[in-house]
C-alpha atoms as a PDB file:
ATOM      1  CA  UNK A   1    -176.574 -57.581 -86.582  1.00  0.00           C
ATOM      2  CA  UNK A   2    -174.313 -60.602 -86.600  1.00  0.00           C
ATOM      3  CA  UNK A   3    -172.535 -61.205 -89.935  1.00  0.00           C
ATOM      4  CA  UNK A   4    -173.777 -64.788 -90.344  1.00  0.00           C
ATOM      5  CA  UNK A   5    -172.266 -68.295 -90.338  1.00  0.00           C
ATOM      6  CA  UNK A   6    -172.379 -68.659 -86.537  1.00  0.00           C
ATOM      7  CA  UNK A   7    -170.017 -71.094 -84.848  1.00  0.00           C
ATOM      8  CA  UNK A   8    -169.481 -71.643 -81.154  1.00  0.00           C
ATOM      9  CA  UNK A   9    -171.016 -70.064 -78.116  1.00  0.00           C
ATOM     10  CA  UNK A  10    -173.173 -66.971 -78.501  1.00  0.00           C
ATOM     11  CA  UNK A  11    -172.440 -64.017 -76.228  1.00  0.00           C
ATOM     12  CA  UNK A  12    -175.286 -62.448 -74.295  1.00  0.00           C
ATOM     13  CA  UNK A  13    -173.327 -59.355 -73.299  1.00  0.00           C
ATOM     14  CA  UNK A  14    -170.939 -56.736 -74.630  1.00  0.00           C
ATOM     15  CA  UNK A  15    -170.780 -54.921 -77.926  1.00  0.00           C
ATOM     16  CA  UNK A  16    -171.228 -58.171 -79.872  1.00  0.00           C
ATOM     17  CA  UNK A  17    -174.324 -59.392 -78.022  1.00  0.00           C
ATOM     18  CA  UNK A  18    -176.017 -62.166 -79.987  1.00  0.00           C
ATOM     19  CA  UNK A  19    -172.879 -62.985 -82.003  1.00  0.00           C
ATOM     20  CA  UNK A  20    -171.116 -66.342 -81.863  1.00  0.00           C
ATOM     21  CA  UNK A  21    -167.420 -66.537 -81.000  1.00  0.00           C
ATOM     22  CA  UNK A  22    -166.662 -67.612 -84.569  1.00  0.00           C
ATOM     23  CA  UNK A  23    -168.411 -64.563 -86.009  1.00  0.00           C
ATOM     24  CA  UNK A  24    -166.540 -62.261 -83.644  1.00  0.00           C
ATOM     25  CA  UNK A  25    -163.201 -63.916 -84.492  1.00  0.00           C
ATOM     26  CA  UNK A  26    -163.726 -63.274 -88.198  1.00  0.00           C
ATOM     27  CA  UNK A  27    -164.695 -59.606 -87.742  1.00  0.00           C
ATOM     28  CA  UNK A  28    -163.038 -58.435 -84.497  1.00  0.00           C
ATOM     29  CA  UNK A  29    -160.493 -60.959 -83.117  1.00  0.00           C
ATOM     30  CA  UNK A  30    -158.988 -58.279 -80.870  1.00  0.00           C
ATOM     31  CA  UNK A  31    -162.220 -58.229 -78.884  1.00  0.00           C
ATOM     32  CA  UNK A  32    -161.765 -61.919 -78.050  1.00  0.00           C
ATOM     33  CA  UNK A  33    -158.187 -61.280 -76.920  1.00  0.00           C
ATOM     34  CA  UNK A  34    -159.509 -58.472 -74.726  1.00  0.00           C
ATOM     35  CA  UNK A  35    -162.322 -60.707 -73.427  1.00  0.00           C
ATOM     36  CA  UNK A  36    -159.819 -63.356 -72.288  1.00  0.00           C
ATOM     37  CA  UNK A  37    -158.561 -60.931 -69.630  1.00  0.00           C
ATOM     38  CA  UNK A  38    -162.018 -60.178 -68.287  1.00  0.00           C
ATOM     39  CA  UNK A  39    -164.029 -62.086 -65.707  1.00  0.00           C
ATOM     40  CA  UNK A  40    -166.892 -62.464 -68.192  1.00  0.00           C
ATOM     41  CA  UNK A  41    -164.595 -64.290 -70.593  1.00  0.00           C
ATOM     42  CA  UNK A  42    -163.405 -66.968 -68.169  1.00  0.00           C
ATOM     43  CA  UNK A  43    -166.049 -69.554 -69.134  1.00  0.00           C
ATOM     44  CA  UNK A  44    -164.975 -69.192 -72.767  1.00  0.00           C
ATOM     45  CA  UNK A  45    -161.156 -69.275 -72.453  1.00  0.00           C
ATOM     46  CA  UNK A  46    -160.540 -72.613 -74.151  1.00  0.00           C
ATOM     47  CA  UNK A  47    -163.104 -71.908 -76.867  1.00  0.00           C
ATOM     48  CA  UNK A  48    -161.693 -68.436 -77.538  1.00  0.00           C
ATOM     49  CA  UNK A  49    -158.174 -69.849 -77.857  1.00  0.00           C
ATOM     50  CA  UNK A  50    -159.345 -72.623 -80.185  1.00  0.00           C
ATOM     51  CA  UNK A  51    -161.378 -70.189 -82.300  1.00  0.00           C
ATOM     52  CA  UNK A  52    -158.524 -67.689 -82.660  1.00  0.00           C
ATOM     53  CA  UNK A  53    -156.256 -70.526 -83.808  1.00  0.00           C
ATOM     54  CA  UNK A  54    -158.844 -71.706 -86.348  1.00  0.00           C
ATOM     55  CA  UNK A  55    -159.127 -68.270 -87.973  1.00  0.00           C
ATOM     56  CA  UNK A  56    -155.333 -67.870 -88.038  1.00  0.00           C
ATOM     57  CA  UNK A  57    -155.103 -65.096 -85.465  1.00  0.00           C
ATOM     58  CA  UNK A  58    -152.925 -67.302 -83.221  1.00  0.00           C
ATOM     59  CA  UNK A  59    -150.233 -69.775 -84.106  1.00  0.00           C
ATOM     60  CA  UNK A  60    -151.467 -73.355 -84.224  1.00  0.00           C
ATOM     61  CA  UNK A  61    -148.458 -74.727 -82.336  1.00  0.00           C
ATOM     62  CA  UNK A  62    -148.075 -71.904 -79.796  1.00  0.00           C
ATOM     63  CA  UNK A  63    -148.795 -72.173 -76.089  1.00  0.00           C
ATOM     64  CA  UNK A  64    -152.397 -72.514 -74.987  1.00  0.00           C
ATOM     65  CA  UNK A  65    -153.739 -69.303 -73.493  1.00  0.00           C
ATOM     66  CA  UNK A  66    -154.634 -69.723 -69.842  1.00  0.00           C
ATOM     67  CA  UNK A  67    -155.690 -67.081 -67.422  1.00  0.00           C
ATOM     68  CA  UNK A  68    -155.855 -68.052 -63.765  1.00  0.00           C
ATOM     69  CA  UNK A  69    -157.153 -64.708 -62.599  1.00  0.00           C
ATOM     70  CA  UNK A  70    -155.409 -61.975 -60.733  1.00  0.00           C
ATOM     71  CA  UNK A  71    -155.696 -63.458 -57.243  1.00  0.00           C
ATOM     72  CA  UNK A  72    -155.479 -67.178 -57.951  1.00  0.00           C
ATOM     73  CA  UNK A  73    -152.384 -69.256 -57.322  1.00  0.00           C
END
């Protein structure tokens, strides 16, 4: 079950199904980093980056994470 205090979008897939991005960031931030590189994570890229910065997993003043996809220019 999710740990509580949900914040952000709730995932309907993966090992954290039913958890919000904020809950995942507090318990398993590495999963969100991994999700950024997957097709399923594309709709959440900006929110994942913002959430990881809020929980202190990423530097606040670092570059914004963007993933264009393997075959995009």
